[in-house]
């Protein structure tokens, strides 16, 4: 029961959560950067989903050609 008395609880209201402690230029820049990354993330995911399999197929084909050329040289 001693532990319960030692806990302190802070009540968060809309004002304490939504207002920053200091509105500096770094804070504004960080917020804009976070928003830009959030908005760009679907396009980055789409880029990887579309182009990465093509690149993997291209690498596999190049490896296959190289192994075939290597086996032809050994004959």
Protein backbone atom coordinates (compact mmCIF):
# COMPACT_ATOMS: atom_id res chain seq x y z
CA UNK A 1 0.00 0.00 0.00
CA UNK A 2 2.96 2.36 0.41
CA UNK A 3 3.57 2.19 -3.32
CA UNK A 4 0.11 3.46 -4.16
CA UNK A 5 0.63 6.61 -2.12
CA UNK A 6 3.96 7.39 -3.81
CA UNK A 7 2.61 7.37 -7.38
CA UNK A 8 1.82 10.72 -8.90
CA UNK A 9 -0.56 11.04 -11.82
CA UNK A 10 -0.57 13.82 -14.37
CA UNK A 11 -3.82 14.70 -16.03
CA UNK A 12 -3.40 15.42 -19.73
CA UNK A 13 -5.86 17.76 -21.33
CA UNK A 14 -6.15 18.73 -24.97
CA UNK A 15 -4.23 21.92 -24.25
CA UNK A 16 -1.23 20.20 -22.59
CA UNK A 17 -0.96 17.57 -25.32
CA UNK A 18 -1.47 19.75 -28.38
CA UNK A 19 0.62 22.78 -27.46
CA UNK A 20 4.38 22.38 -27.81
CA UNK A 21 6.69 23.53 -25.06
CA UNK A 22 8.62 25.89 -27.32
CA UNK A 23 7.84 26.62 -30.93
CA UNK A 24 11.39 26.96 -32.26
CA UNK A 25 12.51 26.84 -35.86
CA UNK A 26 13.98 23.35 -35.34
CA UNK A 27 10.63 22.16 -34.03
CA UNK A 28 8.81 23.59 -37.05
CA UNK A 29 11.38 22.07 -39.41
CA UNK A 30 11.10 18.70 -37.71
CA UNK A 31 7.31 18.81 -37.94
CA UNK A 32 7.44 19.67 -41.66
CA UNK A 33 9.98 16.93 -42.26
CA UNK A 34 7.80 14.39 -40.45
CA UNK A 35 4.77 15.44 -42.50
CA UNK A 36 6.72 15.20 -45.76
CA UNK A 37 8.01 11.72 -44.88
CA UNK A 38 4.52 10.61 -43.89
CA UNK A 39 3.07 11.81 -47.19
CA UNK A 40 5.93 10.30 -49.22
CA UNK A 41 5.88 6.88 -47.56
CA UNK A 42 3.18 5.30 -49.79
CA UNK A 43 5.12 6.29 -52.89
CA UNK A 44 8.36 4.90 -51.49
CA UNK A 45 6.58 1.64 -50.70
CA UNK A 46 5.10 1.50 -54.18
CA UNK A 47 8.53 2.14 -55.68
CA UNK A 48 9.99 -0.82 -53.82
CA UNK A 49 7.00 -3.06 -54.52
CA UNK A 50 7.17 -2.41 -58.27
CA UNK A 51 10.86 -2.02 -59.02
CA UNK A 52 12.52 -4.36 -56.53
CA UNK A 53 11.15 -7.61 -58.05
CA UNK A 54 12.25 -6.42 -61.50
CA UNK A 55 15.74 -5.72 -60.19
CA UNK A 56 15.89 -9.13 -58.54
CA UNK A 57 14.88 -10.81 -61.82
CA UNK A 58 17.52 -8.78 -63.65
CA UNK A 59 20.20 -9.86 -61.17
CA UNK A 60 19.10 -13.50 -61.43
CA UNK A 61 19.26 -13.39 -65.24
CA UNK A 62 22.75 -11.85 -65.15
CA UNK A 63 23.88 -14.55 -62.69
CA UNK A 64 22.40 -17.25 -64.93
CA UNK A 65 24.17 -15.88 -68.01
CA UNK A 66 27.43 -15.72 -66.10
CA UNK A 67 27.11 -19.29 -64.85
CA UNK A 68 26.23 -20.53 -68.36
CA UNK A 69 29.23 -18.72 -69.83
CA UNK A 70 31.41 -20.15 -67.09
CA UNK A 71 30.17 -23.71 -67.79
CA UNK A 72 30.70 -23.25 -71.56
CA UNK A 73 34.31 -22.16 -70.96
CA UNK A 74 35.02 -25.25 -68.88
CA UNK A 75 33.95 -27.62 -71.70
